[in-house]
Every structure is written in C-alpha cells, then in structure tokens.
Amino acid sequence: MIFIPASILAGIFFSCENDLENVKLVTATNDSPDQIVTNVHSLYSDSGVVRFEIIASRMESFSQPEQKTIFKNGFQVNFFKSRDSIEATLTADYAEQMESSNSFYARSKVIFTNFDKNQTLKTEELYWDQATKRIRTDKAFEIIGEKSYISGYGMDANETFSNYNTHHVTAEWNNNR
C-alpha cells in the first residue's frame, strides 16, 4: 500500500471527459444505429391532412450502408380516412422502412385490419409501397371477414386494405346471407 500525504494530493487534479466523438469511436460498430428513439408516435401528412401515424416502442435509424429505419420491437400503423376516424390498422412484430424505395417491409405476425370492411389480413410478410399506395405479399395469407374466409398464397391490395386481389387461393368460404 502506498501512502500519499494530503499536501501532495491537494496539488493533483482529477478530470473526466466524455467527448462524444471519442465515445462513438470506442463503442460504435458498423451495425450500430445512428439514432435510437423510444416511444415513437409519428404523424405523416399530405397537403396538411394526416394520412397515417406510426406508433412503436423503439425505432433505430441507419444511414449506412443504406438509409433505413428499423422497428425491431414491431410497430402499428393507423390509416386515417378523416381527421378523427381510423379506417385501417397494420401491425407487425418487425418492420423496416427503406428511404430509397419509399417502402416498408413488415414480417412476423403481420395483421392488417380494415374497420369499414370488417376484414382482417393475416400473413408473415408484407411489403407496402408508399409511392403507389399498394401492399403485397407472396407468402401464405388469410383474409377473415364477418361472413367470409379466404386463404392462399400471394395477394395485393390498396394501402388501406379496402380493395384487394388474391392470387393462388387454396380455400374460400362465403356466407352472404
């Protein structure tokens, strides 16, 4: 044990500095996000009218190797038909937003419900092209309505899931009484 007299300690100063650039050099990797946001609630509007909102517990933004946003803990998208009226809701356990293609990719327990049509799409993977305002999947799907059921592989729809086309139907049941 070394003993340092108090008279010598009085002349020694201790300092700690956290330069953010140095911290990034030590802690960041190529896989690290540029930004992490928790408890996200974002509104997206067109010409001053809110079109949809995204709600997520965690959002990670990346600029390299491509500009994208990841929702590892899932997300919910609410599509509005008017100011206070939600027409449809999309949820998934995982999603990515790709800036370059203006699109979303959702996977794992994807559920898309249109409340006006009272129908729900269930699939494991879904692509949403914001430019064309279309959604699609090439995977197995189920569409469950109040009096109907359709399952198959591959479908596409408008972005609120109010009008859709099915591709390879394997089962269909309809009771329109």
C-alpha atoms as a PDB file:
ATOM      1  CA  MET A   1       0.000   0.000   0.000  1.00  0.00           C
ATOM      2  CA  ILE A   2       1.315   3.427  -0.931  1.00  0.00           C
ATOM      3  CA  PHE A   3       0.604   6.371   1.308  1.00  0.00           C
ATOM      4  CA  ILE A   4       0.364   9.816  -0.351  1.00  0.00           C
ATOM      5  CA  PRO A   5       0.377  12.767   2.026  1.00  0.00           C
ATOM      6  CA  ALA A   6      -2.588  15.169   1.837  1.00  0.00           C
ATOM      7  CA  SER A   7      -0.254  18.046   0.960  1.00  0.00           C
ATOM      8  CA  ILE A   8       0.700  16.270  -2.281  1.00  0.00           C
ATOM      9  CA  LEU A   9      -2.898  15.228  -3.069  1.00  0.00           C
ATOM     10  CA  ALA A  10      -4.002  18.865  -2.819  1.00  0.00           C
ATOM     11  CA  GLY A  11      -1.875  19.660  -5.874  1.00  0.00           C
ATOM     12  CA  ILE A  12      -3.247  16.780  -8.021  1.00  0.00           C
ATOM     13  CA  PHE A  13      -6.430  17.349 -10.028  1.00  0.00           C
ATOM     14  CA  PHE A  14      -8.580  14.595 -11.420  1.00  0.00           C
ATOM     15  CA  SER A  15     -10.712  15.064 -14.500  1.00  0.00           C
ATOM     16  CA  CYS A  16     -13.114  13.008 -16.555  1.00  0.00           C
ATOM     17  CA  GLU A  17     -14.250  13.963 -20.026  1.00  0.00           C
ATOM     18  CA  ASN A  18     -16.717  12.300 -22.377  1.00  0.00           C
ATOM     19  CA  ASP A  19     -16.051  13.576 -25.871  1.00  0.00           C
ATOM     20  CA  LEU A  20     -18.946  12.134 -27.927  1.00  0.00           C
ATOM     21  CA  GLU A  21     -16.773  11.555 -30.998  1.00  0.00           C
ATOM     22  CA  ASN A  22     -14.299   9.519 -28.900  1.00  0.00           C
ATOM     23  CA  VAL A  23     -17.153   7.588 -27.284  1.00  0.00           C
ATOM     24  CA  LYS A  24     -18.512   6.735 -30.755  1.00  0.00           C
ATOM     25  CA  LEU A  25     -15.089   5.523 -31.860  1.00  0.00           C
ATOM     26  CA  VAL A  26     -14.870   3.187 -28.890  1.00  0.00           C
ATOM     27  CA  THR A  27     -18.482   1.952 -28.761  1.00  0.00           C
ATOM     28  CA  ALA A  28     -19.918   2.174 -32.293  1.00  0.00           C
ATOM     29  CA  THR A  29     -19.713  -0.635 -34.814  1.00  0.00           C
ATOM     30  CA  ASN A  30     -20.787  -0.809 -38.449  1.00  0.00           C
ATOM     31  CA  ASP A  31     -24.046  -2.355 -37.231  1.00  0.00           C
ATOM     32  CA  SER A  32     -24.799   0.422 -34.732  1.00  0.00           C
ATOM     33  CA  PRO A  33     -27.745   2.711 -35.486  1.00  0.00           C
ATOM     34  CA  ASP A  34     -27.152   6.431 -35.968  1.00  0.00           C
ATOM     35  CA  GLN A  35     -30.174   7.202 -33.850  1.00  0.00           C
ATOM     36  CA  ILE A  36     -32.381   5.304 -31.381  1.00  0.00           C
ATOM     37  CA  VAL A  37     -35.778   6.672 -30.396  1.00  0.00           C
ATOM     38  CA  THR A  38     -38.118   5.087 -27.848  1.00  0.00           C
ATOM     39  CA  ASN A  39     -41.877   5.523 -27.522  1.00  0.00           C
ATOM     40  CA  VAL A  40     -42.349   6.765 -31.084  1.00  0.00           C
ATOM     41  CA  HIS A  41     -45.566   8.412 -32.258  1.00  0.00           C
ATOM     42  CA  SER A  42     -45.143   9.986 -35.710  1.00  0.00           C
ATOM     43  CA  LEU A  43     -47.817  11.545 -37.872  1.00  0.00           C
ATOM     44  CA  TYR A  44     -47.456  11.586 -41.681  1.00  0.00           C
ATOM     45  CA  SER A  45     -49.448  14.150 -43.628  1.00  0.00           C
ATOM     46  CA  ASP A  46     -50.055  15.134 -47.218  1.00  0.00           C
ATOM     47  CA  SER A  47     -51.200  18.693 -48.019  1.00  0.00           C
ATOM     48  CA  GLY A  48     -51.854  19.323 -44.334  1.00  0.00           C
ATOM     49  CA  VAL A  49     -54.075  16.242 -43.905  1.00  0.00           C
ATOM     50  CA  VAL A  50     -52.858  13.422 -41.640  1.00  0.00           C
ATOM     51  CA  ARG A  51     -52.837  10.221 -43.711  1.00  0.00           C
ATOM     52  CA  PHE A  52     -51.330   7.767 -41.224  1.00  0.00           C
ATOM     53  CA  GLU A  53     -49.478   7.512 -37.941  1.00  0.00           C
ATOM     54  CA  ILE A  54     -46.764   5.144 -36.765  1.00  0.00           C
ATOM     55  CA  ILE A  55     -46.573   4.015 -33.154  1.00  0.00           C
ATOM     56  CA  ALA A  56     -43.596   1.964 -31.917  1.00  0.00           C
ATOM     57  CA  SER A  57     -41.763   1.293 -28.688  1.00  0.00           C
ATOM     58  CA  ARG A  58     -38.329   1.534 -30.363  1.00  0.00           C
ATOM     59  CA  MET A  59     -37.063   2.916 -33.651  1.00  0.00           C
ATOM     60  CA  GLU A  60     -33.472   2.624 -34.927  1.00  0.00           C
ATOM     61  CA  SER A  61     -32.293   4.802 -37.829  1.00  0.00           C
ATOM     62  CA  PHE A  62     -29.327   3.930 -40.044  1.00  0.00           C
ATOM     63  CA  SER A  63     -27.601   5.955 -42.764  1.00  0.00           C
ATOM     64  CA  GLN A  64     -25.105   3.274 -43.884  1.00  0.00           C
ATOM     65  CA  PRO A  65     -24.931   1.031 -45.875  1.00  0.00           C
ATOM     66  CA  GLU A  66     -28.390   2.295 -46.891  1.00  0.00           C
ATOM     67  CA  GLN A  67     -30.715   4.780 -45.278  1.00  0.00           C
ATOM     68  CA  LYS A  68     -33.383   2.849 -43.389  1.00  0.00           C
ATOM     69  CA  THR A  69     -35.329   2.728 -40.165  1.00  0.00           C
ATOM     70  CA  ILE A  70     -35.876  -0.495 -38.215  1.00  0.00           C
ATOM     71  CA  PHE A  71     -38.670  -1.248 -35.775  1.00  0.00           C
ATOM     72  CA  LYS A  72     -37.240  -4.370 -34.044  1.00  0.00           C
ATOM     73  CA  ASN A  73     -39.961  -4.483 -31.416  1.00  0.00           C
ATOM     74  CA  GLY A  74     -42.699  -4.089 -34.008  1.00  0.00           C
ATOM     75  CA  PHE A  75     -44.943  -1.223 -34.948  1.00  0.00           C
ATOM     76  CA  GLN A  76     -48.525  -0.152 -35.516  1.00  0.00           C
ATOM     77  CA  VAL A  77     -49.675   1.991 -38.434  1.00  0.00           C
ATOM     78  CA  ASN A  78     -53.101   3.628 -38.287  1.00  0.00           C
ATOM     79  CA  PHE A  79     -54.550   4.859 -41.600  1.00  0.00           C
ATOM     80  CA  PHE A  80     -56.984   7.761 -41.325  1.00  0.00           C
ATOM     81  CA  LYS A  81     -59.978   8.307 -43.592  1.00  0.00           C
ATOM     82  CA  SER A  82     -60.838  11.584 -41.884  1.00  0.00           C
ATOM     83  CA  ARG A  83     -59.476  13.701 -39.061  1.00  0.00           C
ATOM     84  CA  ASP A  84     -60.555  11.511 -36.151  1.00  0.00           C
ATOM     85  CA  SER A  85     -61.504   8.295 -37.913  1.00  0.00           C
ATOM     86  CA  ILE A  86     -59.157   5.338 -38.369  1.00  0.00           C
ATOM     87  CA  GLU A  87     -60.010   3.300 -41.460  1.00  0.00           C
ATOM     88  CA  ALA A  88     -57.376   0.569 -41.115  1.00  0.00           C
ATOM     89  CA  THR A  89     -54.559  -0.640 -38.852  1.00  0.00           C
ATOM     90  CA  LEU A  90     -51.390  -2.544 -39.745  1.00  0.00           C
ATOM     91  CA  THR A  91     -49.329  -4.268 -37.045  1.00  0.00           C
ATOM     92  CA  ALA A  92     -46.226  -6.470 -37.196  1.00  0.00           C
ATOM     93  CA  ASP A  93     -43.590  -7.780 -34.799  1.00  0.00           C
ATOM     94  CA  TYR A  94     -40.791  -6.390 -37.011  1.00  0.00           C
ATOM     95  CA  ALA A  95     -40.629  -3.734 -39.735  1.00  0.00           C
ATOM     96  CA  GLU A  96     -38.145  -1.809 -41.866  1.00  0.00           C
ATOM     97  CA  GLN A  97     -38.669   1.462 -43.689  1.00  0.00           C
ATOM     98  CA  MET A  98     -36.378   1.889 -46.723  1.00  0.00           C
ATOM     99  CA  GLU A  99     -35.884   5.541 -47.614  1.00  0.00           C
ATOM    100  CA  SER A 100     -34.532   4.930 -51.138  1.00  0.00           C
ATOM    101  CA  SER A 101     -37.568   2.970 -52.320  1.00  0.00           C
ATOM    102  CA  ASN A 102     -40.126   4.793 -50.147  1.00  0.00           C
ATOM    103  CA  SER A 103     -41.391   1.465 -48.849  1.00  0.00           C
ATOM    104  CA  PHE A 104     -41.956  -0.632 -45.737  1.00  0.00           C
ATOM    105  CA  TYR A 105     -41.246  -4.306 -45.184  1.00  0.00           C
ATOM    106  CA  ALA A 106     -43.138  -5.954 -42.310  1.00  0.00           C
ATOM    107  CA  ARG A 107     -42.746  -9.509 -41.073  1.00  0.00           C
ATOM    108  CA  SER A 108     -43.748 -11.853 -38.279  1.00  0.00           C
ATOM    109  CA  LYS A 109     -47.393 -11.836 -37.213  1.00  0.00           C
ATOM    110  CA  VAL A 110     -48.465  -9.222 -39.750  1.00  0.00           C
ATOM    111  CA  ILE A 111     -52.087  -8.254 -39.208  1.00  0.00           C
ATOM    112  CA  PHE A 112     -53.882  -5.694 -41.363  1.00  0.00           C
ATOM    113  CA  THR A 113     -57.465  -4.821 -40.427  1.00  0.00           C
ATOM    114  CA  ASN A 114     -59.864  -2.626 -42.392  1.00  0.00           C
ATOM    115  CA  PHE A 115     -62.592  -1.500 -39.999  1.00  0.00           C
ATOM    116  CA  ASP A 116     -65.001  -0.235 -42.697  1.00  0.00           C
ATOM    117  CA  LYS A 117     -64.999  -3.610 -44.488  1.00  0.00           C
ATOM    118  CA  ASN A 118     -64.727  -5.571 -41.221  1.00  0.00           C
ATOM    119  CA  GLN A 119     -61.986  -7.796 -42.656  1.00  0.00           C
ATOM    120  CA  THR A 120     -58.527  -8.803 -41.471  1.00  0.00           C
ATOM    121  CA  LEU A 121     -55.486  -9.964 -43.412  1.00  0.00           C
ATOM    122  CA  LYS A 122     -53.011 -12.245 -41.627  1.00  0.00           C
ATOM    123  CA  THR A 123     -49.632 -13.146 -43.144  1.00  0.00           C
ATOM    124  CA  GLU A 124     -45.974 -13.485 -42.197  1.00  0.00           C
ATOM    125  CA  GLU A 125     -44.585 -10.914 -44.642  1.00  0.00           C
ATOM    126  CA  LEU A 126     -45.917  -7.758 -46.263  1.00  0.00           C
ATOM    127  CA  TYR A 127     -44.494  -5.025 -48.495  1.00  0.00           C
ATOM    128  CA  TRP A 128     -46.013  -1.543 -48.522  1.00  0.00           C
ATOM    129  CA  ASP A 129     -45.036   0.765 -51.396  1.00  0.00           C
ATOM    130  CA  GLN A 130     -45.877   4.286 -50.287  1.00  0.00           C
ATOM    131  CA  ALA A 131     -45.379   5.763 -53.774  1.00  0.00           C
ATOM    132  CA  THR A 132     -48.004   3.525 -55.397  1.00  0.00           C
ATOM    133  CA  LYS A 133     -50.060   3.227 -52.189  1.00  0.00           C
ATOM    134  CA  ARG A 134     -50.160  -0.562 -52.560  1.00  0.00           C
ATOM    135  CA  ILE A 135     -49.421  -3.517 -50.273  1.00  0.00           C
ATOM    136  CA  ARG A 136     -48.493  -7.048 -51.335  1.00  0.00           C
ATOM    137  CA  THR A 137     -47.329 -10.418 -50.105  1.00  0.00           C
ATOM    138  CA  ASP A 138     -46.082 -13.519 -51.901  1.00  0.00           C
ATOM    139  CA  LYS A 139     -46.427 -15.614 -48.735  1.00  0.00           C
ATOM    140  CA  ALA A 140     -49.358 -17.560 -47.331  1.00  0.00           C
ATOM    141  CA  PHE A 141     -52.248 -15.367 -46.222  1.00  0.00           C
ATOM    142  CA  GLU A 142     -55.679 -15.499 -44.636  1.00  0.00           C
ATOM    143  CA  ILE A 143     -58.412 -12.917 -45.125  1.00  0.00           C
ATOM    144  CA  ILE A 144     -61.069 -13.202 -42.470  1.00  0.00           C
ATOM    145  CA  GLY A 145     -64.323 -11.281 -42.858  1.00  0.00           C
ATOM    146  CA  GLU A 146     -67.543 -11.191 -40.920  1.00  0.00           C
ATOM    147  CA  LYS A 147     -69.129 -13.723 -43.318  1.00  0.00           C
ATOM    148  CA  SER A 148     -66.172 -14.864 -45.413  1.00  0.00           C
ATOM    149  CA  TYR A 149     -62.799 -16.576 -45.299  1.00  0.00           C
ATOM    150  CA  ILE A 150     -60.101 -16.785 -47.998  1.00  0.00           C
ATOM    151  CA  SER A 151     -56.639 -18.335 -47.764  1.00  0.00           C
ATOM    152  CA  GLY A 152     -53.902 -18.786 -50.304  1.00  0.00           C
ATOM    153  CA  TYR A 153     -50.504 -17.581 -51.477  1.00  0.00           C
ATOM    154  CA  GLY A 154     -49.912 -14.090 -52.780  1.00  0.00           C
ATOM    155  CA  MET A 155     -52.176 -11.079 -52.757  1.00  0.00           C
ATOM    156  CA  ASP A 156     -52.047  -7.347 -53.322  1.00  0.00           C
ATOM    157  CA  ALA A 157     -54.275  -4.501 -52.154  1.00  0.00           C
ATOM    158  CA  ASN A 158     -54.552  -0.759 -51.832  1.00  0.00           C
ATOM    159  CA  GLU A 159     -52.796   0.680 -48.790  1.00  0.00           C
ATOM    160  CA  THR A 160     -55.896   0.655 -46.587  1.00  0.00           C
ATOM    161  CA  PHE A 161     -56.790  -2.955 -47.489  1.00  0.00           C
ATOM    162  CA  SER A 162     -60.252  -1.925 -48.699  1.00  0.00           C
ATOM    163  CA  ASN A 163     -59.790  -3.394 -52.213  1.00  0.00           C
ATOM    164  CA  TYR A 164     -57.651  -6.473 -52.850  1.00  0.00           C
ATOM    165  CA  ASN A 165     -56.702  -9.148 -55.400  1.00  0.00           C
ATOM    166  CA  THR A 166     -55.847 -12.703 -54.375  1.00  0.00           C
ATOM    167  CA  HIS A 167     -53.507 -14.843 -56.487  1.00  0.00           C
ATOM    168  CA  HIS A 168     -53.350 -18.536 -55.557  1.00  0.00           C
ATOM    169  CA  VAL A 169     -56.462 -19.217 -53.499  1.00  0.00           C
ATOM    170  CA  THR A 170     -56.439 -22.538 -51.602  1.00  0.00           C
ATOM    171  CA  ALA A 171     -59.669 -22.118 -49.624  1.00  0.00           C
ATOM    172  CA  GLU A 172     -62.657 -19.823 -49.829  1.00  0.00           C
ATOM    173  CA  TRP A 173     -65.846 -19.656 -47.851  1.00  0.00           C
ATOM    174  CA  ASN A 174     -68.535 -17.018 -48.257  1.00  0.00           C
ATOM    175  CA  ASN A 175     -71.846 -16.684 -46.421  1.00  0.00           C
ATOM    176  CA  ASN A 176     -73.544 -13.505 -47.635  1.00  0.00           C
ATOM    177  CA  ARG A 177     -76.927 -14.004 -46.006  1.00  0.00           C
END
